[in-house]
Amino acid sequence: MKLRYRDLFAGVLVTVIWGANFSVIGLGLQSLDAFMLTLLRFTFCAIPLVLFIQRPKGVSWLTLAVYGALFGAGLWWVVNFAMYNGLSAGMSSVFLQFSAFFTILLSHLVLKEAITRIHMLGMLFSLAGLLLILHLSEAVSTTVGIGLVLLAGVSWSLCNLIIKLKRPGDMVAFIVWSSLFAVPVIGGMTLAVEGPAPFRNLLSDLTWGAGFSIVFQCYITTIVGYWIWNTLMKKYPASTVAPLSLLVPVSGIVTSWLLFDEQMSVAQLAAIGLVFVGIAIFVSSARLAGPQAA
């Protein structure tokens, strides 16, 4: 199924926001504990909006709770825990995008969505680009951190599968109400790992930069970003939408270049080109397959 140009633009816009988000997270981490930053992100995604937005119709409490736990704790708390264990923000953004492949495979296994040879070719190009970006990075990685982010990628793919299975009608309400269920899970895991110190130090650690980071992550990255992303995931096959997330580390690199004047080598540009070629193959898969794919 071919992406409409408007939907393609919206999907690319989301990847730009998410790529920039890793720099915004870094801004918040300059003063706030990593886990507290995640907790505040989802707290303000839910409160006070749950007081004004009706619970999404046709979606059970269990679905909201499972999605919230997977999205808030299984995805973003785990990513921050990986960074806490030494994995850089850049490498986190690269490894997290392996969720695109997990999503495509899960949708094939559970929903019987087709994976064509053209899709496989696109995955090979994109995978090669991601691995090259990883190889060219000078950041220090840890085995534990990599394993955790891959686990977070599985959580994201499960979140995508829930969206495709339950197909919530009001996506903003779904995100807001599921965030409410993420808060106690993230708070409990933070207490288990770091104890009460992040809560005691919250007021003294809160800065204007951290406040901007929280607001951006709540309303731009999470509510707006995942409203668009989940709507696309509900509307199209996973093999059409999920590969767009592979642009996130590319967006992160380009954002760093634009904002912080970080230089890109010819090899890095080639790696970005491979990712773009892979995504172009995915997006054009229906056209490349010809009339027989209809």
C-alpha atoms as a PDB file:
ATOM      1  CA  MET A   1       0.000   0.000   0.000  1.00  0.00           C
ATOM      2  CA  LYS A   2       1.503   3.288  -1.143  1.00  0.00           C
ATOM      3  CA  LEU A   3       1.954   6.186   1.283  1.00  0.00           C
ATOM      4  CA  ARG A   4       0.057   9.308   0.302  1.00  0.00           C
ATOM      5  CA  TYR A   5       2.388  12.285  -0.107  1.00  0.00           C
ATOM      6  CA  ARG A   6       0.766  14.128   2.810  1.00  0.00           C
ATOM      7  CA  ASP A   7       1.242  11.107   5.072  1.00  0.00           C
ATOM      8  CA  LEU A   8       4.816  10.654   3.870  1.00  0.00           C
ATOM      9  CA  PHE A   9       5.568  14.296   4.719  1.00  0.00           C
ATOM     10  CA  ALA A  10       3.979  13.864   8.170  1.00  0.00           C
ATOM     11  CA  GLY A  11       6.011  10.696   8.817  1.00  0.00           C
ATOM     12  CA  VAL A  12       9.278  12.369   7.793  1.00  0.00           C
ATOM     13  CA  LEU A  13       8.427  15.400   9.962  1.00  0.00           C
ATOM     14  CA  VAL A  14       8.015  13.090  12.961  1.00  0.00           C
ATOM     15  CA  THR A  15      11.427  11.512  12.366  1.00  0.00           C
ATOM     16  CA  VAL A  16      12.993  14.992  12.271  1.00  0.00           C
ATOM     17  CA  ILE A  17      11.339  15.808  15.621  1.00  0.00           C
ATOM     18  CA  TRP A  18      12.458  12.501  17.130  1.00  0.00           C
ATOM     19  CA  GLY A  19      16.000  12.929  15.848  1.00  0.00           C
ATOM     20  CA  ALA A  20      16.198  16.375  17.449  1.00  0.00           C
ATOM     21  CA  ASN A  21      14.640  14.946  20.606  1.00  0.00           C
ATOM     22  CA  PHE A  22      17.856  13.160  21.597  1.00  0.00           C
ATOM     23  CA  SER A  23      19.608  16.548  21.819  1.00  0.00           C
ATOM     24  CA  VAL A  24      16.662  17.872  23.855  1.00  0.00           C
ATOM     25  CA  ILE A  25      16.956  14.865  26.199  1.00  0.00           C
ATOM     26  CA  GLY A  26      20.637  15.690  26.598  1.00  0.00           C
ATOM     27  CA  LEU A  27      19.687  19.223  27.609  1.00  0.00           C
ATOM     28  CA  GLY A  28      17.388  17.880  30.335  1.00  0.00           C
ATOM     29  CA  LEU A  29      19.994  15.403  31.559  1.00  0.00           C
ATOM     30  CA  GLN A  30      22.415  18.254  32.294  1.00  0.00           C
ATOM     31  CA  SER A  31      20.544  18.879  35.533  1.00  0.00           C
ATOM     32  CA  LEU A  32      17.923  16.157  36.039  1.00  0.00           C
ATOM     33  CA  ASP A  33      18.315  12.490  36.837  1.00  0.00           C
ATOM     34  CA  ALA A  34      17.658  10.396  33.702  1.00  0.00           C
ATOM     35  CA  PHE A  35      14.824   8.435  35.278  1.00  0.00           C
ATOM     36  CA  MET A  36      13.203  11.485  36.836  1.00  0.00           C
ATOM     37  CA  LEU A  37      13.260  13.159  33.417  1.00  0.00           C
ATOM     38  CA  THR A  38      11.337  10.191  31.983  1.00  0.00           C
ATOM     39  CA  LEU A  39       8.897  10.202  34.884  1.00  0.00           C
ATOM     40  CA  LEU A  40       8.161  13.921  34.480  1.00  0.00           C
ATOM     41  CA  ARG A  41       7.732  13.488  30.739  1.00  0.00           C
ATOM     42  CA  PHE A  42       4.902  10.999  31.159  1.00  0.00           C
ATOM     43  CA  THR A  43       3.438  12.672  34.226  1.00  0.00           C
ATOM     44  CA  PHE A  44       2.833  15.865  32.270  1.00  0.00           C
ATOM     45  CA  CYS A  45       1.667  13.939  29.201  1.00  0.00           C
ATOM     46  CA  ALA A  46      -1.175  12.665  31.392  1.00  0.00           C
ATOM     47  CA  ILE A  47      -1.790  15.452  33.913  1.00  0.00           C
ATOM     48  CA  PRO A  48      -3.787  17.670  33.685  1.00  0.00           C
ATOM     49  CA  LEU A  49      -4.985  16.540  30.219  1.00  0.00           C
ATOM     50  CA  VAL A  50      -6.828  13.461  31.549  1.00  0.00           C
ATOM     51  CA  LEU A  51      -9.136  15.878  33.375  1.00  0.00           C
ATOM     52  CA  PHE A  52     -10.262  17.429  30.079  1.00  0.00           C
ATOM     53  CA  ILE A  53      -9.941  14.598  27.532  1.00  0.00           C
ATOM     54  CA  GLN A  54     -12.407  11.732  27.670  1.00  0.00           C
ATOM     55  CA  ARG A  55     -11.047   8.185  27.878  1.00  0.00           C
ATOM     56  CA  PRO A  56     -10.820   6.750  24.334  1.00  0.00           C
ATOM     57  CA  LYS A  57     -13.929   4.801  23.395  1.00  0.00           C
ATOM     58  CA  GLY A  58     -13.634   1.146  22.463  1.00  0.00           C
ATOM     59  CA  VAL A  59     -10.292   0.741  24.247  1.00  0.00           C
ATOM     60  CA  SER A  60     -10.158  -1.349  27.418  1.00  0.00           C
ATOM     61  CA  TRP A  61      -8.391  -0.369  30.630  1.00  0.00           C
ATOM     62  CA  LEU A  62      -6.102  -3.371  30.116  1.00  0.00           C
ATOM     63  CA  THR A  63      -5.027  -2.152  26.676  1.00  0.00           C
ATOM     64  CA  LEU A  64      -4.267   1.322  28.058  1.00  0.00           C
ATOM     65  CA  ALA A  65      -2.300  -0.169  30.951  1.00  0.00           C
ATOM     66  CA  VAL A  66      -0.259  -2.568  28.793  1.00  0.00           C
ATOM     67  CA  TYR A  67       0.506   0.081  26.173  1.00  0.00           C
ATOM     68  CA  GLY A  68       1.426   2.629  28.861  1.00  0.00           C
ATOM     69  CA  ALA A  69       3.767   0.208  30.637  1.00  0.00           C
ATOM     70  CA  LEU A  70       5.436  -0.875  27.391  1.00  0.00           C
ATOM     71  CA  PHE A  71       5.712   2.647  25.993  1.00  0.00           C
ATOM     72  CA  GLY A  72       6.721   4.540  29.115  1.00  0.00           C
ATOM     73  CA  ALA A  73       8.754   1.950  31.019  1.00  0.00           C
ATOM     74  CA  GLY A  74       9.601  -0.730  28.442  1.00  0.00           C
ATOM     75  CA  LEU A  75      10.683   1.798  25.814  1.00  0.00           C
ATOM     76  CA  TRP A  76      11.783   5.141  27.265  1.00  0.00           C
ATOM     77  CA  TRP A  77      12.740   4.204  30.804  1.00  0.00           C
ATOM     78  CA  VAL A  78      14.838   1.331  29.400  1.00  0.00           C
ATOM     79  CA  VAL A  79      16.524   3.673  26.882  1.00  0.00           C
ATOM     80  CA  ASN A  80      17.463   6.040  29.699  1.00  0.00           C
ATOM     81  CA  PHE A  81      18.648   3.113  31.805  1.00  0.00           C
ATOM     82  CA  ALA A  82      20.879   2.066  28.881  1.00  0.00           C
ATOM     83  CA  MET A  83      22.314   5.589  28.737  1.00  0.00           C
ATOM     84  CA  TYR A  84      22.748   5.412  32.522  1.00  0.00           C
ATOM     85  CA  ASN A  85      24.868   2.285  31.884  1.00  0.00           C
ATOM     86  CA  GLY A  86      27.117   4.134  29.431  1.00  0.00           C
ATOM     87  CA  LEU A  87      25.487   3.933  26.012  1.00  0.00           C
ATOM     88  CA  SER A  88      25.662   7.273  24.216  1.00  0.00           C
ATOM     89  CA  ALA A  89      22.569   9.121  23.046  1.00  0.00           C
ATOM     90  CA  GLY A  90      23.680   8.743  19.439  1.00  0.00           C
ATOM     91  CA  MET A  91      24.108   4.986  19.678  1.00  0.00           C
ATOM     92  CA  SER A  92      20.804   4.733  21.527  1.00  0.00           C
ATOM     93  CA  SER A  93      19.094   6.414  18.566  1.00  0.00           C
ATOM     94  CA  VAL A  94      20.749   3.987  16.131  1.00  0.00           C
ATOM     95  CA  PHE A  95      19.990   0.756  17.978  1.00  0.00           C
ATOM     96  CA  LEU A  96      16.443   1.812  18.852  1.00  0.00           C
ATOM     97  CA  GLN A  97      15.587   1.989  15.156  1.00  0.00           C
ATOM     98  CA  PHE A  98      16.045  -1.768  14.843  1.00  0.00           C
ATOM     99  CA  SER A  99      12.456  -1.707  16.115  1.00  0.00           C
ATOM    100  CA  ALA A 100      11.486  -1.107  12.474  1.00  0.00           C
ATOM    101  CA  PHE A 101      12.628  -4.608  11.597  1.00  0.00           C
ATOM    102  CA  PHE A 102      11.005  -6.101  14.717  1.00  0.00           C
ATOM    103  CA  THR A 103       7.713  -4.364  13.832  1.00  0.00           C
ATOM    104  CA  ILE A 104       7.714  -5.673  10.270  1.00  0.00           C
ATOM    105  CA  LEU A 105       8.456  -9.231  11.427  1.00  0.00           C
ATOM    106  CA  LEU A 106       5.829  -9.141  14.194  1.00  0.00           C
ATOM    107  CA  SER A 107       3.186  -7.778  11.824  1.00  0.00           C
ATOM    108  CA  HIS A 108       4.049 -10.550   9.385  1.00  0.00           C
ATOM    109  CA  LEU A 109       3.799 -13.250  12.069  1.00  0.00           C
ATOM    110  CA  VAL A 110       0.706 -11.963  13.892  1.00  0.00           C
ATOM    111  CA  LEU A 111      -1.259 -10.070  11.230  1.00  0.00           C
ATOM    112  CA  LYS A 112       0.014 -11.981   8.186  1.00  0.00           C
ATOM    113  CA  GLU A 113       1.144  -8.751   6.511  1.00  0.00           C
ATOM    114  CA  ALA A 114       3.222  -9.553   3.460  1.00  0.00           C
ATOM    115  CA  ILE A 115       6.989  -9.071   3.301  1.00  0.00           C
ATOM    116  CA  THR A 116       8.086  -8.983  -0.321  1.00  0.00           C
ATOM    117  CA  ARG A 117      11.537  -9.356  -1.859  1.00  0.00           C
ATOM    118  CA  ILE A 118      11.488  -5.607  -2.466  1.00  0.00           C
ATOM    119  CA  HIS A 119      10.894  -5.025   1.259  1.00  0.00           C
ATOM    120  CA  MET A 120      13.801  -7.358   2.029  1.00  0.00           C
ATOM    121  CA  LEU A 121      16.026  -5.383  -0.346  1.00  0.00           C
ATOM    122  CA  GLY A 122      15.040  -2.143   1.363  1.00  0.00           C
ATOM    123  CA  MET A 123      15.811  -3.649   4.767  1.00  0.00           C
ATOM    124  CA  LEU A 124      19.264  -4.744   3.586  1.00  0.00           C
ATOM    125  CA  PHE A 125      20.156  -1.240   2.380  1.00  0.00           C
ATOM    126  CA  SER A 126      18.839   0.398   5.571  1.00  0.00           C
ATOM    127  CA  LEU A 127      20.508  -2.165   7.823  1.00  0.00           C
ATOM    128  CA  ALA A 128      23.811  -1.615   6.023  1.00  0.00           C
ATOM    129  CA  GLY A 129      23.461   2.138   6.548  1.00  0.00           C
ATOM    130  CA  LEU A 130      22.664   1.757  10.262  1.00  0.00           C
ATOM    131  CA  LEU A 131      25.611  -0.587  10.815  1.00  0.00           C
ATOM    132  CA  LEU A 132      27.916   1.811   8.968  1.00  0.00           C
ATOM    133  CA  ILE A 133      26.715   4.719  11.134  1.00  0.00           C
ATOM    134  CA  LEU A 134      27.452   2.544  14.164  1.00  0.00           C
ATOM    135  CA  HIS A 135      30.912   1.615  12.858  1.00  0.00           C
ATOM    136  CA  LEU A 136      31.823   5.242  12.153  1.00  0.00           C
ATOM    137  CA  SER A 137      30.723   6.497  15.563  1.00  0.00           C
ATOM    138  CA  GLU A 138      33.454   7.462  17.995  1.00  0.00           C
ATOM    139  CA  ALA A 139      31.115   7.109  20.984  1.00  0.00           C
ATOM    140  CA  VAL A 140      31.810   4.438  23.569  1.00  0.00           C
ATOM    141  CA  SER A 141      29.172   1.718  23.772  1.00  0.00           C
ATOM    142  CA  THR A 142      28.500  -0.992  26.311  1.00  0.00           C
ATOM    143  CA  THR A 143      27.195  -4.501  25.783  1.00  0.00           C
ATOM    144  CA  VAL A 144      24.615  -4.020  28.539  1.00  0.00           C
ATOM    145  CA  GLY A 145      23.444  -0.729  27.061  1.00  0.00           C
ATOM    146  CA  ILE A 146      23.115  -2.189  23.558  1.00  0.00           C
ATOM    147  CA  GLY A 147      21.115  -5.142  24.877  1.00  0.00           C
ATOM    148  CA  LEU A 148      18.804  -2.814  26.798  1.00  0.00           C
ATOM    149  CA  VAL A 149      18.106  -0.574  23.808  1.00  0.00           C
ATOM    150  CA  LEU A 150      17.382  -3.599  21.616  1.00  0.00           C
ATOM    151  CA  LEU A 151      14.934  -4.676  24.335  1.00  0.00           C
ATOM    152  CA  ALA A 152      13.403  -1.187  24.159  1.00  0.00           C
ATOM    153  CA  GLY A 153      13.121  -1.662  20.395  1.00  0.00           C
ATOM    154  CA  VAL A 154      11.104  -4.841  20.992  1.00  0.00           C
ATOM    155  CA  SER A 155       8.836  -2.866  23.356  1.00  0.00           C
ATOM    156  CA  TRP A 156       8.280  -0.229  20.667  1.00  0.00           C
ATOM    157  CA  SER A 157       7.421  -2.898  18.102  1.00  0.00           C
ATOM    158  CA  LEU A 158       4.886  -4.385  20.554  1.00  0.00           C
ATOM    159  CA  CYS A 159       3.385  -0.903  20.992  1.00  0.00           C
ATOM    160  CA  ASN A 160       3.059  -0.639  17.205  1.00  0.00           C
ATOM    161  CA  LEU A 161       1.378  -4.053  17.130  1.00  0.00           C
ATOM    162  CA  ILE A 162      -1.129  -2.977  19.812  1.00  0.00           C
ATOM    163  CA  ILE A 163      -2.050   0.058  17.709  1.00  0.00           C
ATOM    164  CA  LYS A 164      -2.599  -2.120  14.651  1.00  0.00           C
ATOM    165  CA  LEU A 165      -4.676  -4.659  16.606  1.00  0.00           C
ATOM    166  CA  LYS A 166      -6.827  -2.266  18.688  1.00  0.00           C
ATOM    167  CA  ARG A 167      -6.981   0.645  16.212  1.00  0.00           C
ATOM    168  CA  PRO A 168      -8.003   3.367  18.728  1.00  0.00           C
ATOM    169  CA  GLY A 169     -10.194   6.041  17.199  1.00  0.00           C
ATOM    170  CA  ASP A 170      -9.003   9.048  19.222  1.00  0.00           C
ATOM    171  CA  MET A 171      -5.222   8.739  19.159  1.00  0.00           C
ATOM    172  CA  VAL A 172      -4.506  11.813  21.319  1.00  0.00           C
ATOM    173  CA  ALA A 173      -6.813  10.485  24.053  1.00  0.00           C
ATOM    174  CA  PHE A 174      -5.157   7.090  23.767  1.00  0.00           C
ATOM    175  CA  ILE A 175      -1.669   8.566  24.269  1.00  0.00           C
ATOM    176  CA  VAL A 176      -2.761  10.782  27.168  1.00  0.00           C
ATOM    177  CA  TRP A 177      -4.613   8.045  29.051  1.00  0.00           C
ATOM    178  CA  SER A 178      -1.975   5.366  28.459  1.00  0.00           C
ATOM    179  CA  SER A 179       0.655   7.808  29.782  1.00  0.00           C
ATOM    180  CA  LEU A 180      -1.279   7.878  33.055  1.00  0.00           C
ATOM    181  CA  PHE A 181      -0.581   4.155  33.472  1.00  0.00           C
ATOM    182  CA  ALA A 182       3.103   4.647  32.643  1.00  0.00           C
ATOM    183  CA  VAL A 183       3.662   6.979  35.621  1.00  0.00           C
ATOM    184  CA  PRO A 184       3.414   4.483  38.547  1.00  0.00           C
ATOM    185  CA  VAL A 185       5.455   1.883  36.644  1.00  0.00           C
ATOM    186  CA  ILE A 186       8.273   4.341  35.859  1.00  0.00           C
ATOM    187  CA  GLY A 187       8.138   5.752  39.413  1.00  0.00           C
ATOM    188  CA  GLY A 188       8.395   2.279  40.930  1.00  0.00           C
ATOM    189  CA  MET A 189      11.303   1.253  38.704  1.00  0.00           C
ATOM    190  CA  THR A 190      13.115   4.517  39.478  1.00  0.00           C
ATOM    191  CA  LEU A 191      12.729   3.940  43.210  1.00  0.00           C
ATOM    192  CA  ALA A 192      13.972   0.364  42.812  1.00  0.00           C
ATOM    193  CA  VAL A 193      17.120   1.425  40.926  1.00  0.00           C
ATOM    194  CA  GLU A 194      18.033   4.781  42.498  1.00  0.00           C
ATOM    195  CA  GLY A 195      15.958   5.079  45.657  1.00  0.00           C
ATOM    196  CA  PRO A 196      14.306   8.334  46.796  1.00  0.00           C
ATOM    197  CA  ALA A 197      17.250  10.640  45.948  1.00  0.00           C
ATOM    198  CA  PRO A 198      15.902  11.840  42.543  1.00  0.00           C
ATOM    199  CA  PHE A 199      12.598  12.780  44.193  1.00  0.00           C
ATOM    200  CA  ARG A 200      14.305  14.625  47.076  1.00  0.00           C
ATOM    201  CA  ASN A 201      16.528  16.588  44.692  1.00  0.00           C
ATOM    202  CA  LEU A 202      13.855  17.429  42.125  1.00  0.00           C
ATOM    203  CA  LEU A 203      13.256  21.085  43.029  1.00  0.00           C
ATOM    204  CA  SER A 204      16.933  21.920  43.326  1.00  0.00           C
ATOM    205  CA  ASP A 205      17.772  20.123  40.053  1.00  0.00           C
ATOM    206  CA  LEU A 206      15.000  21.711  37.999  1.00  0.00           C
ATOM    207  CA  THR A 207      16.329  24.389  35.621  1.00  0.00           C
ATOM    208  CA  TRP A 208      14.876  26.348  32.712  1.00  0.00           C
ATOM    209  CA  GLY A 209      16.710  24.015  30.319  1.00  0.00           C
ATOM    210  CA  ALA A 210      15.241  20.962  32.028  1.00  0.00           C
ATOM    211  CA  GLY A 211      11.803  22.573  31.936  1.00  0.00           C
ATOM    212  CA  PHE A 212      12.088  23.165  28.186  1.00  0.00           C
ATOM    213  CA  SER A 213      13.232  19.566  27.731  1.00  0.00           C
ATOM    214  CA  ILE A 214      10.202  18.240  29.647  1.00  0.00           C
ATOM    215  CA  VAL A 215       7.713  20.414  27.734  1.00  0.00           C
ATOM    216  CA  PHE A 216       9.234  19.504  24.349  1.00  0.00           C
ATOM    217  CA  GLN A 217       9.252  15.782  25.164  1.00  0.00           C
ATOM    218  CA  CYS A 218       5.679  15.858  26.527  1.00  0.00           C
ATOM    219  CA  TYR A 219       3.835  17.842  23.914  1.00  0.00           C
ATOM    220  CA  ILE A 220       5.977  17.781  20.764  1.00  0.00           C
ATOM    221  CA  THR A 221       7.764  14.434  20.874  1.00  0.00           C
ATOM    222  CA  THR A 222       5.149  12.310  22.625  1.00  0.00           C
ATOM    223  CA  ILE A 223       1.658  13.722  22.066  1.00  0.00           C
ATOM    224  CA  VAL A 224       2.133  15.289  18.609  1.00  0.00           C
ATOM    225  CA  GLY A 225       4.815  12.872  17.389  1.00  0.00           C
ATOM    226  CA  TYR A 226       3.135   9.654  18.455  1.00  0.00           C
ATOM    227  CA  TRP A 227      -0.316  10.931  17.467  1.00  0.00           C
ATOM    228  CA  ILE A 228       0.968  11.205  13.881  1.00  0.00           C
ATOM    229  CA  TRP A 229       3.035   8.004  14.041  1.00  0.00           C
ATOM    230  CA  ASN A 230       0.323   5.821  15.565  1.00  0.00           C
ATOM    231  CA  THR A 231      -2.243   7.181  13.111  1.00  0.00           C
ATOM    232  CA  LEU A 232       0.013   6.163  10.219  1.00  0.00           C
ATOM    233  CA  MET A 233       0.714   2.789  11.827  1.00  0.00           C
ATOM    234  CA  LYS A 234      -3.035   2.168  12.135  1.00  0.00           C
ATOM    235  CA  LYS A 235      -3.679   3.243   8.542  1.00  0.00           C
ATOM    236  CA  TYR A 236      -0.875   1.477   6.627  1.00  0.00           C
ATOM    237  CA  PRO A 237       0.943  -1.878   6.720  1.00  0.00           C
ATOM    238  CA  ALA A 238       3.949  -1.971   9.056  1.00  0.00           C
ATOM    239  CA  SER A 239       6.298  -2.525   6.117  1.00  0.00           C
ATOM    240  CA  THR A 240       5.189   0.852   4.724  1.00  0.00           C
ATOM    241  CA  VAL A 241       5.452   2.972   7.893  1.00  0.00           C
ATOM    242  CA  ALA A 242       8.051   1.368  10.211  1.00  0.00           C
ATOM    243  CA  PRO A 243      11.059   1.974   7.894  1.00  0.00           C
ATOM    244  CA  LEU A 244      10.517   5.740   8.214  1.00  0.00           C
ATOM    245  CA  SER A 245      11.804   5.471  11.804  1.00  0.00           C
ATOM    246  CA  LEU A 246      15.209   4.587  10.331  1.00  0.00           C
ATOM    247  CA  LEU A 247      15.511   8.295   9.507  1.00  0.00           C
ATOM    248  CA  VAL A 248      15.678   9.155  13.229  1.00  0.00           C
ATOM    249  CA  PRO A 249      19.462   8.659  13.674  1.00  0.00           C
ATOM    250  CA  VAL A 250      19.981  10.402  10.329  1.00  0.00           C
ATOM    251  CA  SER A 251      17.903  13.320  11.588  1.00  0.00           C
ATOM    252  CA  GLY A 252      19.906  13.313  14.822  1.00  0.00           C
ATOM    253  CA  ILE A 253      23.191  13.565  12.943  1.00  0.00           C
ATOM    254  CA  VAL A 254      21.903  16.313  10.644  1.00  0.00           C
ATOM    255  CA  THR A 255      20.410  18.217  13.603  1.00  0.00           C
ATOM    256  CA  SER A 256      23.772  18.111  15.392  1.00  0.00           C
ATOM    257  CA  TRP A 257      25.417  19.383  12.219  1.00  0.00           C
ATOM    258  CA  LEU A 258      22.947  22.267  11.889  1.00  0.00           C
ATOM    259  CA  LEU A 259      22.762  23.261  15.563  1.00  0.00           C
ATOM    260  CA  PHE A 260      26.213  22.379  16.862  1.00  0.00           C
ATOM    261  CA  ASP A 261      28.279  22.542  13.650  1.00  0.00           C
ATOM    262  CA  GLU A 262      29.381  18.920  14.028  1.00  0.00           C
ATOM    263  CA  GLN A 263      31.262  17.847  10.911  1.00  0.00           C
ATOM    264  CA  MET A 264      30.187  14.858   8.820  1.00  0.00           C
ATOM    265  CA  SER A 265      32.688  12.731   6.919  1.00  0.00           C
ATOM    266  CA  VAL A 266      32.184  11.386   3.405  1.00  0.00           C
ATOM    267  CA  ALA A 267      31.692   7.917   4.915  1.00  0.00           C
ATOM    268  CA  GLN A 268      28.933   9.217   7.223  1.00  0.00           C
ATOM    269  CA  LEU A 269      27.202  10.856   4.262  1.00  0.00           C
ATOM    270  CA  ALA A 270      27.450   7.540   2.401  1.00  0.00           C
ATOM    271  CA  ALA A 271      25.890   5.730   5.385  1.00  0.00           C
ATOM    272  CA  ILE A 272      23.031   8.241   5.458  1.00  0.00           C
ATOM    273  CA  GLY A 273      22.630   7.710   1.713  1.00  0.00           C
ATOM    274  CA  LEU A 274      22.255   3.945   2.216  1.00  0.00           C
ATOM    275  CA  VAL A 275      19.486   4.497   4.765  1.00  0.00           C
ATOM    276  CA  PHE A 276      17.700   6.868   2.378  1.00  0.00           C
ATOM    277  CA  VAL A 277      18.001   4.347  -0.481  1.00  0.00           C
ATOM    278  CA  GLY A 278      16.517   1.603   1.731  1.00  0.00           C
ATOM    279  CA  ILE A 279      13.600   3.797   2.778  1.00  0.00           C
ATOM    280  CA  ALA A 280      13.023   4.917  -0.821  1.00  0.00           C
ATOM    281  CA  ILE A 281      12.756   1.243  -1.808  1.00  0.00           C
ATOM    282  CA  PHE A 282      10.186   0.655   0.943  1.00  0.00           C
ATOM    283  CA  VAL A 283       8.137   3.719   0.062  1.00  0.00           C
ATOM    284  CA  SER A 284       8.203   2.820  -3.651  1.00  0.00           C
ATOM    285  CA  SER A 285       7.667  -0.932  -3.130  1.00  0.00           C
ATOM    286  CA  ALA A 286       4.166  -0.952  -4.687  1.00  0.00           C
ATOM    287  CA  ARG A 287       5.386   0.901  -7.782  1.00  0.00           C
ATOM    288  CA  LEU A 288       8.494  -1.305  -8.097  1.00  0.00           C
ATOM    289  CA  ALA A 289       6.463  -4.498  -7.724  1.00  0.00           C
ATOM    290  CA  GLY A 290       4.251  -3.526 -10.666  1.00  0.00           C
ATOM    291  CA  PRO A 291       0.589  -4.339 -11.332  1.00  0.00           C
ATOM    292  CA  GLN A 292       0.895  -7.877  -9.962  1.00  0.00           C
ATOM    293  CA  ALA A 293       1.307  -6.479  -6.414  1.00  0.00           C
ATOM    294  CA  ALA A 294      -2.167  -4.960  -6.466  1.00  0.00           C
END
